Amino acid sequence: MRTTQRKGDIAVSRAIARFTSMGYDVSLPFTESASYDLIVDTGQEIVRVQVRYCGVHEVALRRIHSNSKGYVVKKTKNGAYDWLYIYKSTGEEYLIKQCLANRNSLVPKPEYLIV
């Protein structure tokens, strides 16, 4: 398994644990093509959550995949997800309750830290 996939798996697992510990119900989409990784039912609303793993400084928000012509880079479209959950390699967790469209990367800020 590729290291990038493993990091994504770790972040999704942490997100599921976090949202479950907050008392939310968590669902996984059946497809890999969705622009979000989780569906979270807070009891008041259902939100689509994009999950990202962050190294030491910044988290990539664009998606990169390859096809027969080479690498394809796609930025997030408006309304692709509702919340962004970030798991940092140092153990911190961040939650941004908005879609960050058309951005390459983000440095997680302390005001989004989940405590």
N, C-alpha and C. Protein backbone atom coordinates (compact mmCIF):
# COMPACT_ATOMS: atom_id res chain seq x y z
N MET A 1 0.85 -1.18 0.00
CA MET A 1 0.00 0.00 0.00
C MET A 1 0.88 1.24 0.00
N ARG A 2 0.46 2.23 -0.75
CA ARG A 2 1.23 3.46 -0.83
C ARG A 2 1.13 4.25 0.47
N THR A 3 2.18 4.96 0.79
CA THR A 3 2.23 5.76 2.02
C THR A 3 1.12 6.80 2.04
N THR A 4 0.83 7.43 0.91
CA THR A 4 -0.22 8.44 0.84
C THR A 4 -1.57 7.84 1.19
N GLN A 5 -1.85 6.65 0.69
CA GLN A 5 -3.11 5.99 1.01
C GLN A 5 -3.18 5.65 2.49
N ARG A 6 -2.09 5.20 3.05
CA ARG A 6 -2.05 4.85 4.47
C ARG A 6 -2.34 6.08 5.33
N LYS A 7 -1.74 7.22 4.98
CA LYS A 7 -1.99 8.45 5.73
C LYS A 7 -3.47 8.84 5.65
N GLY A 8 -4.06 8.69 4.48
CA GLY A 8 -5.48 8.97 4.33
C GLY A 8 -6.32 8.06 5.18
N ASP A 9 -5.96 6.78 5.22
CA ASP A 9 -6.69 5.81 6.05
C ASP A 9 -6.60 6.18 7.54
N ILE A 10 -5.43 6.62 7.96
CA ILE A 10 -5.25 7.03 9.36
C ILE A 10 -6.15 8.22 9.67
N ALA A 11 -6.16 9.21 8.78
CA ALA A 11 -6.97 10.41 9.01
C ALA A 11 -8.46 10.07 9.06
N VAL A 12 -8.93 9.23 8.15
CA VAL A 12 -10.35 8.86 8.15
C VAL A 12 -10.70 8.11 9.43
N SER A 13 -9.84 7.20 9.85
CA SER A 13 -10.08 6.47 11.10
C SER A 13 -10.16 7.40 12.30
N ARG A 14 -9.27 8.36 12.35
CA ARG A 14 -9.27 9.33 13.46
C ARG A 14 -10.53 10.19 13.42
N ALA A 15 -10.94 10.58 12.21
CA ALA A 15 -12.15 11.39 12.07
C ALA A 15 -13.38 10.61 12.55
N ILE A 16 -13.48 9.35 12.16
CA ILE A 16 -14.61 8.52 12.61
C ILE A 16 -14.62 8.44 14.13
N ALA A 17 -13.46 8.19 14.73
CA ALA A 17 -13.37 8.10 16.19
C ALA A 17 -13.76 9.43 16.84
N ARG A 18 -13.29 10.53 16.29
CA ARG A 18 -13.58 11.85 16.87
C ARG A 18 -15.07 12.15 16.80
N PHE A 19 -15.68 12.01 15.64
CA PHE A 19 -17.09 12.34 15.49
C PHE A 19 -17.97 11.39 16.31
N THR A 20 -17.59 10.14 16.40
CA THR A 20 -18.33 9.18 17.21
C THR A 20 -18.25 9.57 18.69
N SER A 21 -17.06 9.98 19.15
CA SER A 21 -16.91 10.39 20.55
C SER A 21 -17.68 11.67 20.86
N MET A 22 -18.00 12.45 19.82
CA MET A 22 -18.80 13.67 19.99
C MET A 22 -20.30 13.34 20.01
N GLY A 23 -20.64 12.06 19.86
CA GLY A 23 -22.04 11.64 19.89
C GLY A 23 -22.72 11.67 18.54
N TYR A 24 -21.96 11.84 17.47
CA TYR A 24 -22.53 11.89 16.13
C TYR A 24 -22.56 10.50 15.50
N ASP A 25 -23.50 10.29 14.59
CA ASP A 25 -23.52 9.07 13.79
C ASP A 25 -22.71 9.33 12.53
N VAL A 26 -21.87 8.37 12.15
CA VAL A 26 -20.98 8.52 11.01
C VAL A 26 -21.28 7.45 9.97
N SER A 27 -21.35 7.86 8.71
CA SER A 27 -21.55 6.94 7.60
C SER A 27 -20.46 7.15 6.56
N LEU A 28 -20.20 6.08 5.81
CA LEU A 28 -19.20 6.14 4.74
C LEU A 28 -19.90 6.04 3.39
N PRO A 29 -19.53 6.88 2.42
CA PRO A 29 -20.12 6.74 1.09
C PRO A 29 -19.63 5.45 0.43
N PHE A 30 -20.46 4.85 -0.41
CA PHE A 30 -20.09 3.62 -1.09
C PHE A 30 -19.07 3.83 -2.20
N THR A 31 -19.03 5.01 -2.76
CA THR A 31 -18.18 5.26 -3.92
C THR A 31 -16.89 5.98 -3.54
N GLU A 32 -15.89 5.81 -4.36
CA GLU A 32 -14.63 6.53 -4.20
C GLU A 32 -14.67 7.88 -4.92
N SER A 33 -15.69 8.09 -5.75
CA SER A 33 -15.74 9.29 -6.58
C SER A 33 -16.36 10.49 -5.87
N ALA A 34 -16.93 10.30 -4.68
CA ALA A 34 -17.53 11.42 -3.96
C ALA A 34 -16.46 12.42 -3.57
N SER A 35 -16.83 13.68 -3.49
CA SER A 35 -15.87 14.72 -3.12
C SER A 35 -15.75 14.88 -1.61
N TYR A 36 -16.31 13.94 -0.88
CA TYR A 36 -16.22 13.93 0.58
C TYR A 36 -15.96 12.51 1.03
N ASP A 37 -15.46 12.36 2.26
CA ASP A 37 -15.05 11.06 2.78
C ASP A 37 -16.03 10.46 3.78
N LEU A 38 -16.76 11.31 4.48
CA LEU A 38 -17.68 10.85 5.52
C LEU A 38 -18.99 11.63 5.44
N ILE A 39 -20.02 11.03 5.99
CA ILE A 39 -21.29 11.71 6.20
C ILE A 39 -21.53 11.67 7.71
N VAL A 40 -21.77 12.83 8.30
CA VAL A 40 -21.94 12.93 9.74
C VAL A 40 -23.33 13.48 10.05
N ASP A 41 -24.05 12.75 10.89
CA ASP A 41 -25.36 13.17 11.35
C ASP A 41 -25.21 13.69 12.77
N THR A 42 -25.33 15.00 12.94
CA THR A 42 -25.14 15.62 14.25
C THR A 42 -26.39 15.55 15.13
N GLY A 43 -27.48 15.08 14.57
CA GLY A 43 -28.75 15.10 15.27
C GLY A 43 -29.57 16.32 14.89
N GLN A 44 -28.90 17.34 14.34
CA GLN A 44 -29.56 18.55 13.89
C GLN A 44 -29.39 18.76 12.38
N GLU A 45 -28.32 18.19 11.84
CA GLU A 45 -28.06 18.31 10.41
C GLU A 45 -27.19 17.15 9.94
N ILE A 46 -27.21 16.92 8.65
CA ILE A 46 -26.34 15.92 8.03
C ILE A 46 -25.32 16.68 7.20
N VAL A 47 -24.04 16.42 7.47
CA VAL A 47 -22.97 17.15 6.78
C VAL A 47 -22.03 16.20 6.06
N ARG A 48 -21.49 16.68 4.96
CA ARG A 48 -20.49 15.94 4.18
C ARG A 48 -19.12 16.42 4.63
N VAL A 49 -18.25 15.48 4.99
CA VAL A 49 -16.96 15.84 5.56
C VAL A 49 -15.83 15.37 4.66
N GLN A 50 -14.96 16.29 4.29
CA GLN A 50 -13.73 15.97 3.58
C GLN A 50 -12.66 15.78 4.66
N VAL A 51 -11.88 14.71 4.57
CA VAL A 51 -10.86 14.40 5.57
C VAL A 51 -9.49 14.53 4.92
N ARG A 52 -8.58 15.18 5.62
CA ARG A 52 -7.21 15.35 5.12
C ARG A 52 -6.20 15.03 6.20
N TYR A 53 -5.09 14.45 5.79
CA TYR A 53 -3.93 14.20 6.66
C TYR A 53 -2.96 15.33 6.41
N CYS A 54 -2.39 15.88 7.46
CA CYS A 54 -1.47 17.00 7.36
C CYS A 54 -0.12 16.61 7.91
N GLY A 55 0.93 16.94 7.18
CA GLY A 55 2.28 16.75 7.68
C GLY A 55 2.56 17.78 8.77
N VAL A 56 3.75 18.25 8.85
CA VAL A 56 4.14 19.15 9.93
C VAL A 56 3.56 20.55 9.76
N HIS A 57 3.51 21.08 8.53
CA HIS A 57 3.13 22.48 8.36
C HIS A 57 1.80 22.72 7.66
N GLU A 58 1.65 22.25 6.43
CA GLU A 58 0.44 22.56 5.70
C GLU A 58 -0.19 21.31 5.11
N VAL A 59 -1.47 21.42 4.81
CA VAL A 59 -2.22 20.30 4.26
C VAL A 59 -2.58 20.64 2.81
N ALA A 60 -2.40 19.68 1.93
CA ALA A 60 -2.79 19.85 0.53
C ALA A 60 -4.30 19.72 0.41
N LEU A 61 -4.91 20.63 -0.31
CA LEU A 61 -6.36 20.59 -0.51
C LEU A 61 -6.73 20.14 -1.92
N ARG A 62 -5.79 20.17 -2.82
CA ARG A 62 -6.07 19.74 -4.19
C ARG A 62 -5.96 18.22 -4.28
N ARG A 63 -6.60 17.65 -5.28
CA ARG A 63 -6.52 16.21 -5.51
C ARG A 63 -5.65 15.97 -6.74
N ILE A 64 -4.80 14.98 -6.65
CA ILE A 64 -3.91 14.63 -7.75
C ILE A 64 -4.10 13.16 -8.07
N HIS A 65 -4.33 12.88 -9.35
CA HIS A 65 -4.39 11.49 -9.79
C HIS A 65 -3.76 11.40 -11.17
N SER A 66 -3.52 10.21 -11.62
CA SER A 66 -2.89 10.05 -12.93
C SER A 66 -3.85 9.36 -13.89
N ASN A 67 -3.66 9.66 -15.14
CA ASN A 67 -4.38 8.96 -16.21
C ASN A 67 -3.39 8.69 -17.34
N SER A 68 -3.87 8.30 -18.49
CA SER A 68 -2.97 7.93 -19.59
C SER A 68 -2.13 9.10 -20.10
N LYS A 69 -2.53 10.33 -19.80
CA LYS A 69 -1.81 11.51 -20.26
C LYS A 69 -0.89 12.09 -19.20
N GLY A 70 -0.86 11.49 -18.01
CA GLY A 70 -0.01 11.98 -16.93
C GLY A 70 -0.82 12.34 -15.71
N TYR A 71 -0.29 13.28 -14.93
CA TYR A 71 -0.95 13.67 -13.68
C TYR A 71 -2.01 14.74 -13.93
N VAL A 72 -3.09 14.64 -13.18
CA VAL A 72 -4.19 15.59 -13.25
C VAL A 72 -4.36 16.20 -11.87
N VAL A 73 -4.36 17.53 -11.80
CA VAL A 73 -4.53 18.23 -10.54
C VAL A 73 -5.89 18.91 -10.56
N LYS A 74 -6.69 18.66 -9.53
CA LYS A 74 -8.02 19.26 -9.44
C LYS A 74 -8.16 19.98 -8.11
N LYS A 75 -8.65 21.22 -8.19
CA LYS A 75 -8.97 21.97 -6.98
C LYS A 75 -10.42 21.69 -6.61
N THR A 76 -10.74 21.87 -5.35
CA THR A 76 -12.08 21.63 -4.84
C THR A 76 -13.05 22.67 -5.40
N LYS A 77 -14.21 22.19 -5.82
CA LYS A 77 -15.25 23.08 -6.33
C LYS A 77 -16.11 23.59 -5.17
N ASN A 78 -16.75 24.74 -5.37
CA ASN A 78 -17.65 25.29 -4.37
C ASN A 78 -18.73 24.28 -4.01
N GLY A 79 -19.00 24.11 -2.72
CA GLY A 79 -20.05 23.24 -2.25
C GLY A 79 -19.76 21.75 -2.34
N ALA A 80 -18.50 21.37 -2.56
CA ALA A 80 -18.13 19.96 -2.69
C ALA A 80 -18.29 19.20 -1.38
N TYR A 81 -18.12 19.87 -0.27
CA TYR A 81 -18.29 19.29 1.06
C TYR A 81 -18.74 20.40 2.01
N ASP A 82 -19.11 20.02 3.23
CA ASP A 82 -19.59 21.00 4.21
C ASP A 82 -18.55 21.32 5.28
N TRP A 83 -17.85 20.29 5.75
CA TRP A 83 -16.82 20.45 6.78
C TRP A 83 -15.51 19.86 6.28
N LEU A 84 -14.41 20.42 6.78
CA LEU A 84 -13.07 19.89 6.51
C LEU A 84 -12.46 19.46 7.84
N TYR A 85 -12.16 18.17 7.97
CA TYR A 85 -11.49 17.64 9.16
C TYR A 85 -10.04 17.40 8.77
N ILE A 86 -9.12 17.86 9.61
CA ILE A 86 -7.69 17.68 9.36
C ILE A 86 -7.07 16.95 10.53
N TYR A 87 -6.36 15.86 10.23
CA TYR A 87 -5.58 15.16 11.25
C TYR A 87 -4.11 15.45 10.97
N LYS A 88 -3.44 16.05 11.92
CA LYS A 88 -2.03 16.41 11.75
C LYS A 88 -1.14 15.28 12.26
N SER A 89 -0.01 15.09 11.64
CA SER A 89 0.90 14.00 11.99
C SER A 89 1.36 14.05 13.44
N THR A 90 1.25 15.21 14.08
CA THR A 90 1.65 15.37 15.47
C THR A 90 0.49 15.07 16.43
N GLY A 91 -0.68 14.68 15.89
CA GLY A 91 -1.80 14.28 16.72
C GLY A 91 -2.91 15.30 16.87
N GLU A 92 -2.69 16.54 16.47
CA GLU A 92 -3.74 17.55 16.58
C GLU A 92 -4.83 17.28 15.55
N GLU A 93 -6.06 17.68 15.92
CA GLU A 93 -7.19 17.55 15.02
C GLU A 93 -7.83 18.93 14.85
N TYR A 94 -8.23 19.22 13.62
CA TYR A 94 -8.82 20.51 13.29
C TYR A 94 -10.14 20.28 12.57
N LEU A 95 -11.10 21.18 12.79
CA LEU A 95 -12.38 21.10 12.10
C LEU A 95 -12.74 22.49 11.60
N ILE A 96 -12.90 22.59 10.30
CA ILE A 96 -13.30 23.83 9.66
C ILE A 96 -14.68 23.59 9.08
N LYS A 97 -15.66 24.33 9.54
CA LYS A 97 -17.05 24.10 9.15
C LYS A 97 -17.43 24.93 7.94
N GLN A 98 -16.67 24.73 6.87
CA GLN A 98 -16.96 25.36 5.58
C GLN A 98 -16.16 24.65 4.49
N CYS A 99 -16.56 24.85 3.26
CA CYS A 99 -15.85 24.28 2.12
C CYS A 99 -14.79 25.28 1.66
N LEU A 100 -13.56 24.83 1.56
CA LEU A 100 -12.47 25.69 1.11
C LEU A 100 -12.20 25.40 -0.36
N ALA A 101 -12.92 26.07 -1.23
CA ALA A 101 -12.84 25.83 -2.66
C ALA A 101 -11.67 26.59 -3.29
N ASN A 102 -11.17 26.05 -4.39
CA ASN A 102 -10.15 26.68 -5.23
C ASN A 102 -8.86 27.03 -4.51
N ARG A 103 -8.47 26.21 -3.54
CA ARG A 103 -7.22 26.45 -2.81
C ARG A 103 -6.29 25.27 -2.99
N ASN A 104 -5.00 25.54 -3.00
CA ASN A 104 -4.00 24.48 -3.13
C ASN A 104 -3.68 23.84 -1.79
N SER A 105 -3.57 24.68 -0.75
CA SER A 105 -3.16 24.17 0.56
C SER A 105 -3.64 25.10 1.66
N LEU A 106 -3.41 24.66 2.90
CA LEU A 106 -3.85 25.42 4.06
C LEU A 106 -2.92 25.11 5.22
N VAL A 107 -2.58 26.12 6.00
CA VAL A 107 -1.87 25.92 7.26
C VAL A 107 -2.94 25.97 8.35
N PRO A 108 -3.16 24.84 9.06
CA PRO A 108 -4.22 24.82 10.09
C PRO A 108 -3.97 25.87 11.17
N LYS A 109 -5.02 26.60 11.52
CA LYS A 109 -4.93 27.66 12.52
C LYS A 109 -5.45 27.17 13.87
N PRO A 110 -4.91 27.71 14.96
CA PRO A 110 -5.32 27.28 16.30
C PRO A 110 -6.82 27.40 16.57
N GLU A 111 -7.49 28.37 15.96
CA GLU A 111 -8.93 28.53 16.24
C GLU A 111 -9.77 27.39 15.71
N TYR A 112 -9.21 26.54 14.84
CA TYR A 112 -9.92 25.38 14.33
C TYR A 112 -9.56 24.09 15.08
N LEU A 113 -8.68 24.19 16.05
CA LEU A 113 -8.22 23.02 16.81
C LEU A 113 -9.36 22.43 17.62
N ILE A 114 -9.52 21.12 17.55
CA ILE A 114 -10.52 20.43 18.35
C ILE A 114 -9.84 20.02 19.65
N VAL A 115 -10.43 20.41 20.77
CA VAL A 115 -9.85 20.06 22.06
C VAL A 115 -10.74 19.10 22.82
